[in-house]
């Protein structure tokens, strides 16, 4: 149910995502979704960050999908992080959470700076 909701939000905000995201089943997307934060973080930390950045969960679903894909090039990594930032802004504007856009952008930048290892290790569960 959660994935269906997040996917519907992605449609509503006109989120940017690769074609493979839109073609994936909800079950497959659920296998990519881990909340906000890299898989190697403890569950409690990912849970806390997911709670704090909950206005960006739809954007994070697309980002997790991209990190789970087999194309592990630096270009694909950078494109995923750029889409994350764009989708964060779209989601925040749609939900009238304008004041937290800087936090979302900071999270996207941190993904670009520190997320290469998580990207290289990302896969479907």
N, C-alpha and C. Protein backbone atom coordinates (compact mmCIF):
# COMPACT_ATOMS: atom_id res chain seq x y z
N UNK A 1 0.82 -1.19 0.00
CA UNK A 1 0.00 0.00 0.00
C UNK A 1 0.87 1.26 0.00
N UNK A 2 1.91 1.29 0.78
CA UNK A 2 2.79 2.46 0.86
C UNK A 2 3.39 2.79 -0.50
N UNK A 3 3.84 1.78 -1.22
CA UNK A 3 4.46 2.00 -2.53
C UNK A 3 3.42 2.56 -3.50
N UNK A 4 2.21 2.04 -3.46
CA UNK A 4 1.14 2.55 -4.34
C UNK A 4 0.91 4.04 -4.07
N UNK A 5 0.89 4.41 -2.80
CA UNK A 5 0.69 5.81 -2.43
C UNK A 5 1.85 6.67 -2.95
N UNK A 6 3.08 6.24 -2.70
CA UNK A 6 4.25 7.02 -3.13
C UNK A 6 4.29 7.13 -4.65
N UNK A 7 3.94 6.06 -5.33
CA UNK A 7 3.90 6.09 -6.79
C UNK A 7 2.85 7.10 -7.27
N UNK A 8 1.70 7.13 -6.61
CA UNK A 8 0.65 8.10 -6.96
C UNK A 8 1.13 9.52 -6.75
N UNK A 9 1.88 9.75 -5.68
CA UNK A 9 2.46 11.08 -5.44
C UNK A 9 3.42 11.43 -6.57
N UNK A 10 4.22 10.48 -6.99
CA UNK A 10 5.16 10.71 -8.10
C UNK A 10 4.41 11.18 -9.35
N UNK A 11 3.28 10.56 -9.61
CA UNK A 11 2.47 10.96 -10.77
C UNK A 11 1.93 12.37 -10.56
N UNK A 12 1.39 12.64 -9.36
CA UNK A 12 0.80 13.95 -9.08
C UNK A 12 1.79 15.10 -9.19
N UNK A 13 3.02 14.87 -8.77
CA UNK A 13 4.00 15.96 -8.80
C UNK A 13 4.74 16.01 -10.13
N UNK A 14 4.37 15.11 -11.04
CA UNK A 14 5.05 15.02 -12.34
C UNK A 14 6.55 14.80 -12.14
N UNK A 15 6.86 13.84 -11.29
CA UNK A 15 8.25 13.54 -10.95
C UNK A 15 9.03 13.08 -12.18
N UNK A 16 10.30 13.38 -12.16
CA UNK A 16 11.21 12.92 -13.20
C UNK A 16 11.79 11.58 -12.77
N UNK A 17 11.69 10.61 -13.66
CA UNK A 17 12.18 9.26 -13.36
C UNK A 17 12.49 8.56 -14.67
N UNK A 18 13.40 7.59 -14.63
CA UNK A 18 13.65 6.79 -15.83
C UNK A 18 12.40 5.99 -16.21
N UNK A 19 12.30 5.65 -17.46
CA UNK A 19 11.18 4.86 -17.97
C UNK A 19 11.03 3.56 -17.19
N UNK A 20 12.15 2.98 -16.78
CA UNK A 20 12.11 1.71 -16.06
C UNK A 20 11.37 1.83 -14.73
N UNK A 21 11.41 3.00 -14.10
CA UNK A 21 10.67 3.21 -12.85
C UNK A 21 9.17 3.08 -13.10
N UNK A 22 8.68 3.77 -14.13
CA UNK A 22 7.25 3.76 -14.42
C UNK A 22 6.78 2.39 -14.87
N UNK A 23 7.67 1.62 -15.48
CA UNK A 23 7.30 0.29 -15.97
C UNK A 23 7.36 -0.78 -14.87
N UNK A 24 8.04 -0.50 -13.78
CA UNK A 24 8.23 -1.49 -12.71
C UNK A 24 6.92 -1.73 -11.95
N UNK A 25 6.76 -2.94 -11.48
CA UNK A 25 5.58 -3.26 -10.66
C UNK A 25 5.77 -2.68 -9.26
N UNK A 26 4.68 -2.55 -8.54
CA UNK A 26 4.77 -2.07 -7.16
C UNK A 26 5.60 -3.01 -6.29
N UNK A 27 5.49 -4.31 -6.54
CA UNK A 27 6.29 -5.27 -5.77
C UNK A 27 7.78 -5.07 -6.03
N UNK A 28 8.14 -4.80 -7.27
CA UNK A 28 9.55 -4.57 -7.60
C UNK A 28 10.03 -3.27 -6.98
N UNK A 29 9.21 -2.23 -7.03
CA UNK A 29 9.59 -0.96 -6.40
C UNK A 29 9.75 -1.14 -4.89
N UNK A 30 8.91 -1.96 -4.29
CA UNK A 30 9.03 -2.22 -2.85
C UNK A 30 10.36 -2.89 -2.52
N UNK A 31 10.87 -3.68 -3.44
CA UNK A 31 12.17 -4.34 -3.22
C UNK A 31 13.32 -3.35 -3.32
N UNK A 32 13.10 -2.21 -3.96
CA UNK A 32 14.13 -1.18 -4.08
C UNK A 32 14.08 -0.19 -2.91
N UNK A 33 12.90 0.04 -2.37
CA UNK A 33 12.66 1.06 -1.35
C UNK A 33 13.27 0.67 -0.01
N UNK A 34 14.02 1.57 0.59
CA UNK A 34 14.55 1.32 1.94
C UNK A 34 14.35 2.52 2.85
N UNK A 35 13.52 3.47 2.44
CA UNK A 35 13.39 4.70 3.20
C UNK A 35 14.45 5.67 2.72
N UNK A 36 14.79 6.62 3.54
CA UNK A 36 15.79 7.61 3.15
C UNK A 36 17.08 7.30 3.88
N UNK A 37 18.13 7.08 3.12
CA UNK A 37 19.43 6.76 3.69
C UNK A 37 19.97 5.48 3.09
N UNK A 38 21.29 5.32 3.11
CA UNK A 38 21.90 4.14 2.50
C UNK A 38 21.63 2.87 3.29
N UNK A 39 21.67 1.77 2.58
CA UNK A 39 21.39 0.46 3.14
C UNK A 39 22.35 0.11 4.29
N UNK A 40 23.59 0.61 4.25
CA UNK A 40 24.54 0.24 5.29
C UNK A 40 24.32 0.98 6.61
N UNK A 41 23.43 1.97 6.63
CA UNK A 41 23.08 2.61 7.90
C UNK A 41 22.26 1.65 8.74
N UNK A 42 22.35 1.76 10.06
CA UNK A 42 21.48 0.95 10.92
C UNK A 42 20.01 1.32 10.65
N UNK A 43 19.12 0.37 10.84
CA UNK A 43 17.69 0.61 10.59
C UNK A 43 17.15 1.80 11.38
N UNK A 44 17.58 1.97 12.64
CA UNK A 44 17.07 3.06 13.45
C UNK A 44 17.47 4.42 12.85
N UNK A 45 18.68 4.50 12.30
CA UNK A 45 19.15 5.76 11.72
C UNK A 45 18.38 6.08 10.44
N UNK A 46 18.20 5.06 9.60
CA UNK A 46 17.44 5.26 8.37
C UNK A 46 16.01 5.62 8.69
N UNK A 47 15.46 4.99 9.73
CA UNK A 47 14.09 5.31 10.17
C UNK A 47 13.96 6.74 10.64
N UNK A 48 14.95 7.20 11.41
CA UNK A 48 14.92 8.58 11.92
C UNK A 48 15.04 9.59 10.78
N UNK A 49 15.95 9.35 9.85
CA UNK A 49 16.13 10.27 8.72
C UNK A 49 14.90 10.22 7.81
N UNK A 50 14.35 9.04 7.62
CA UNK A 50 13.12 8.91 6.81
C UNK A 50 11.98 9.70 7.44
N UNK A 51 11.91 9.69 8.78
CA UNK A 51 10.87 10.45 9.47
C UNK A 51 11.11 11.95 9.30
N UNK A 52 12.33 12.39 9.51
CA UNK A 52 12.63 13.82 9.42
C UNK A 52 12.44 14.36 8.00
N UNK A 53 12.75 13.55 7.01
CA UNK A 53 12.64 13.99 5.62
C UNK A 53 11.42 13.37 4.93
N UNK A 54 10.40 13.02 5.72
CA UNK A 54 9.22 12.36 5.17
C UNK A 54 8.51 13.12 4.06
N UNK A 55 8.60 14.46 4.00
CA UNK A 55 7.97 15.13 2.86
C UNK A 55 8.61 14.77 1.51
N UNK A 56 9.73 14.07 1.52
CA UNK A 56 10.45 13.73 0.29
C UNK A 56 10.45 12.23 0.00
N UNK A 57 9.54 11.49 0.58
CA UNK A 57 9.55 10.04 0.41
C UNK A 57 9.28 9.59 -1.03
N UNK A 58 8.42 10.30 -1.76
CA UNK A 58 8.18 9.92 -3.16
C UNK A 58 9.45 10.12 -3.98
N UNK A 59 10.12 11.26 -3.77
CA UNK A 59 11.38 11.51 -4.48
C UNK A 59 12.41 10.44 -4.11
N UNK A 60 12.42 10.03 -2.85
CA UNK A 60 13.37 9.00 -2.40
C UNK A 60 13.07 7.64 -3.02
N UNK A 61 11.79 7.35 -3.28
CA UNK A 61 11.44 6.08 -3.92
C UNK A 61 12.09 5.99 -5.30
N UNK A 62 11.99 7.05 -6.07
CA UNK A 62 12.62 7.05 -7.40
C UNK A 62 14.13 6.91 -7.25
N UNK A 63 14.70 7.63 -6.30
CA UNK A 63 16.15 7.59 -6.07
C UNK A 63 16.59 6.18 -5.69
N UNK A 64 15.83 5.53 -4.79
CA UNK A 64 16.16 4.16 -4.41
C UNK A 64 16.07 3.23 -5.61
N UNK A 65 15.06 3.44 -6.45
CA UNK A 65 14.92 2.63 -7.66
C UNK A 65 16.18 2.79 -8.52
N UNK A 66 16.61 4.01 -8.72
CA UNK A 66 17.78 4.24 -9.57
C UNK A 66 19.03 3.62 -8.95
N UNK A 67 19.16 3.68 -7.64
CA UNK A 67 20.33 3.10 -6.98
C UNK A 67 20.29 1.57 -7.04
N UNK A 68 19.12 0.98 -7.28
CA UNK A 68 19.02 -0.48 -7.33
C UNK A 68 19.28 -1.06 -8.72
N UNK A 69 19.43 -0.19 -9.70
CA UNK A 69 19.58 -0.65 -11.08
C UNK A 69 21.01 -1.06 -11.39
N UNK A 70 21.19 -1.94 -12.37
CA UNK A 70 22.52 -2.48 -12.64
C UNK A 70 23.48 -1.50 -13.34
N UNK A 71 22.99 -0.41 -13.94
CA UNK A 71 23.86 0.56 -14.61
C UNK A 71 24.61 1.35 -13.55
N UNK A 72 25.84 1.01 -13.30
CA UNK A 72 26.61 1.62 -12.21
C UNK A 72 27.70 2.55 -12.73
N UNK A 73 27.31 3.48 -13.58
CA UNK A 73 28.27 4.46 -14.10
C UNK A 73 28.17 5.74 -13.28
N UNK A 74 29.24 6.52 -13.31
CA UNK A 74 29.22 7.79 -12.58
C UNK A 74 28.18 8.73 -13.18
N UNK A 75 27.97 8.67 -14.49
CA UNK A 75 26.95 9.50 -15.13
C UNK A 75 25.56 9.16 -14.64
N UNK A 76 25.24 7.87 -14.52
CA UNK A 76 23.93 7.46 -14.01
C UNK A 76 23.76 7.85 -12.55
N UNK A 77 24.83 7.75 -11.77
CA UNK A 77 24.83 8.16 -10.36
C UNK A 77 24.51 9.65 -10.24
N UNK A 78 25.20 10.46 -11.02
CA UNK A 78 25.00 11.91 -10.97
C UNK A 78 23.61 12.28 -11.45
N UNK A 79 23.12 11.62 -12.49
CA UNK A 79 21.76 11.88 -12.99
C UNK A 79 20.72 11.53 -11.92
N UNK A 80 20.91 10.43 -11.22
CA UNK A 80 19.98 10.03 -10.16
C UNK A 80 19.94 11.08 -9.06
N UNK A 81 21.09 11.59 -8.68
CA UNK A 81 21.14 12.61 -7.62
C UNK A 81 20.55 13.94 -8.08
N UNK A 82 20.77 14.29 -9.34
CA UNK A 82 20.17 15.52 -9.87
C UNK A 82 18.65 15.39 -9.92
N UNK A 83 18.15 14.22 -10.34
CA UNK A 83 16.69 13.99 -10.34
C UNK A 83 16.14 14.01 -8.93
N UNK A 84 16.90 13.48 -7.96
CA UNK A 84 16.46 13.52 -6.57
C UNK A 84 16.21 14.97 -6.14
N UNK A 85 17.15 15.84 -6.41
CA UNK A 85 17.00 17.24 -6.02
C UNK A 85 15.80 17.87 -6.72
N UNK A 86 15.67 17.64 -8.02
CA UNK A 86 14.52 18.20 -8.75
C UNK A 86 13.21 17.66 -8.19
N UNK A 87 13.15 16.38 -7.91
CA UNK A 87 11.91 15.79 -7.39
C UNK A 87 11.62 16.25 -5.96
N UNK A 88 12.65 16.48 -5.17
CA UNK A 88 12.46 17.03 -3.82
C UNK A 88 11.78 18.39 -3.91
N UNK A 89 12.26 19.23 -4.81
CA UNK A 89 11.67 20.56 -4.97
C UNK A 89 10.22 20.42 -5.45
N UNK A 90 9.98 19.56 -6.42
CA UNK A 90 8.61 19.34 -6.92
C UNK A 90 7.69 18.86 -5.79
N UNK A 91 8.16 17.89 -5.01
CA UNK A 91 7.33 17.34 -3.93
C UNK A 91 7.07 18.37 -2.84
N UNK A 92 8.09 19.13 -2.49
CA UNK A 92 7.92 20.16 -1.45
C UNK A 92 6.95 21.24 -1.91
N UNK A 93 7.07 21.69 -3.14
CA UNK A 93 6.16 22.71 -3.66
C UNK A 93 4.73 22.18 -3.72
N UNK A 94 4.57 20.96 -4.16
CA UNK A 94 3.24 20.35 -4.27
C UNK A 94 2.57 20.26 -2.90
N UNK A 95 3.35 19.91 -1.88
CA UNK A 95 2.81 19.72 -0.53
C UNK A 95 2.92 20.96 0.35
N UNK A 96 3.29 22.10 -0.26
CA UNK A 96 3.40 23.37 0.47
C UNK A 96 4.40 23.30 1.63
N UNK A 97 5.50 22.60 1.42
CA UNK A 97 6.58 22.51 2.41
C UNK A 97 7.80 23.30 1.93
N UNK A 98 7.56 24.51 1.44
CA UNK A 98 8.62 25.31 0.82
C UNK A 98 9.79 25.55 1.77
N UNK A 99 9.50 25.73 3.04
CA UNK A 99 10.54 26.05 4.02
C UNK A 99 11.58 24.95 4.21
N UNK A 100 11.25 23.73 3.84
CA UNK A 100 12.22 22.65 4.05
C UNK A 100 12.94 22.25 2.76
N UNK A 101 12.70 22.99 1.70
CA UNK A 101 13.42 22.71 0.45
C UNK A 101 14.94 22.71 0.66
N UNK A 102 15.50 23.68 1.38
CA UNK A 102 16.96 23.64 1.57
C UNK A 102 17.46 22.35 2.22
N UNK A 103 16.68 21.77 3.16
CA UNK A 103 17.08 20.50 3.78
C UNK A 103 17.10 19.38 2.76
N UNK A 104 16.10 19.38 1.89
CA UNK A 104 16.04 18.37 0.84
C UNK A 104 17.17 18.51 -0.15
N UNK A 105 17.47 19.74 -0.54
CA UNK A 105 18.58 19.97 -1.47
C UNK A 105 19.90 19.55 -0.82
N UNK A 106 20.05 19.86 0.47
CA UNK A 106 21.26 19.44 1.18
C UNK A 106 21.38 17.92 1.18
N UNK A 107 20.26 17.22 1.38
CA UNK A 107 20.28 15.74 1.36
C UNK A 107 20.71 15.24 -0.01
N UNK A 108 20.22 15.87 -1.08
CA UNK A 108 20.61 15.47 -2.43
C UNK A 108 22.09 15.70 -2.69
N UNK A 109 22.60 16.82 -2.21
CA UNK A 109 24.02 17.12 -2.38
C UNK A 109 24.86 16.12 -1.58
N UNK A 110 24.42 15.78 -0.38
CA UNK A 110 25.15 14.78 0.41
C UNK A 110 25.17 13.43 -0.29
N UNK A 111 24.08 13.10 -0.99
CA UNK A 111 24.06 11.85 -1.77
C UNK A 111 25.13 11.88 -2.86
N UNK A 112 25.27 13.03 -3.49
CA UNK A 112 26.27 13.16 -4.56
C UNK A 112 27.69 13.07 -4.00
N UNK A 113 27.91 13.70 -2.87
CA UNK A 113 29.27 13.76 -2.29
C UNK A 113 29.65 12.44 -1.62
N UNK A 114 28.70 11.84 -0.89
CA UNK A 114 29.04 10.67 -0.08
C UNK A 114 28.35 9.37 -0.50
N UNK A 115 27.55 9.39 -1.57
CA UNK A 115 26.72 8.25 -1.89
C UNK A 115 27.25 7.25 -2.89
N UNK A 116 28.45 7.46 -3.40
CA UNK A 116 28.98 6.58 -4.44
C UNK A 116 29.02 5.12 -3.98
N UNK A 117 29.48 4.87 -2.75
CA UNK A 117 29.58 3.50 -2.23
C UNK A 117 28.18 2.87 -2.17
N UNK A 118 27.20 3.61 -1.65
CA UNK A 118 25.83 3.10 -1.58
C UNK A 118 25.30 2.81 -2.97
N UNK A 119 25.62 3.67 -3.93
CA UNK A 119 25.18 3.48 -5.31
C UNK A 119 25.79 2.21 -5.90
N UNK A 120 27.10 2.05 -5.72
CA UNK A 120 27.79 0.88 -6.28
C UNK A 120 27.26 -0.43 -5.68
N UNK A 121 26.85 -0.39 -4.41
CA UNK A 121 26.38 -1.60 -3.73
C UNK A 121 24.86 -1.80 -3.84
N UNK A 122 24.15 -0.81 -4.37
CA UNK A 122 22.70 -0.86 -4.43
C UNK A 122 22.17 -1.97 -5.33
N UNK A 123 21.14 -2.65 -4.86
CA UNK A 123 20.49 -3.70 -5.64
C UNK A 123 19.10 -3.94 -5.07
N UNK A 124 18.29 -4.66 -5.81
CA UNK A 124 16.97 -5.02 -5.32
C UNK A 124 17.10 -6.03 -4.19
N UNK A 125 16.23 -5.95 -3.21
CA UNK A 125 16.23 -6.92 -2.09
C UNK A 125 15.61 -8.21 -2.56
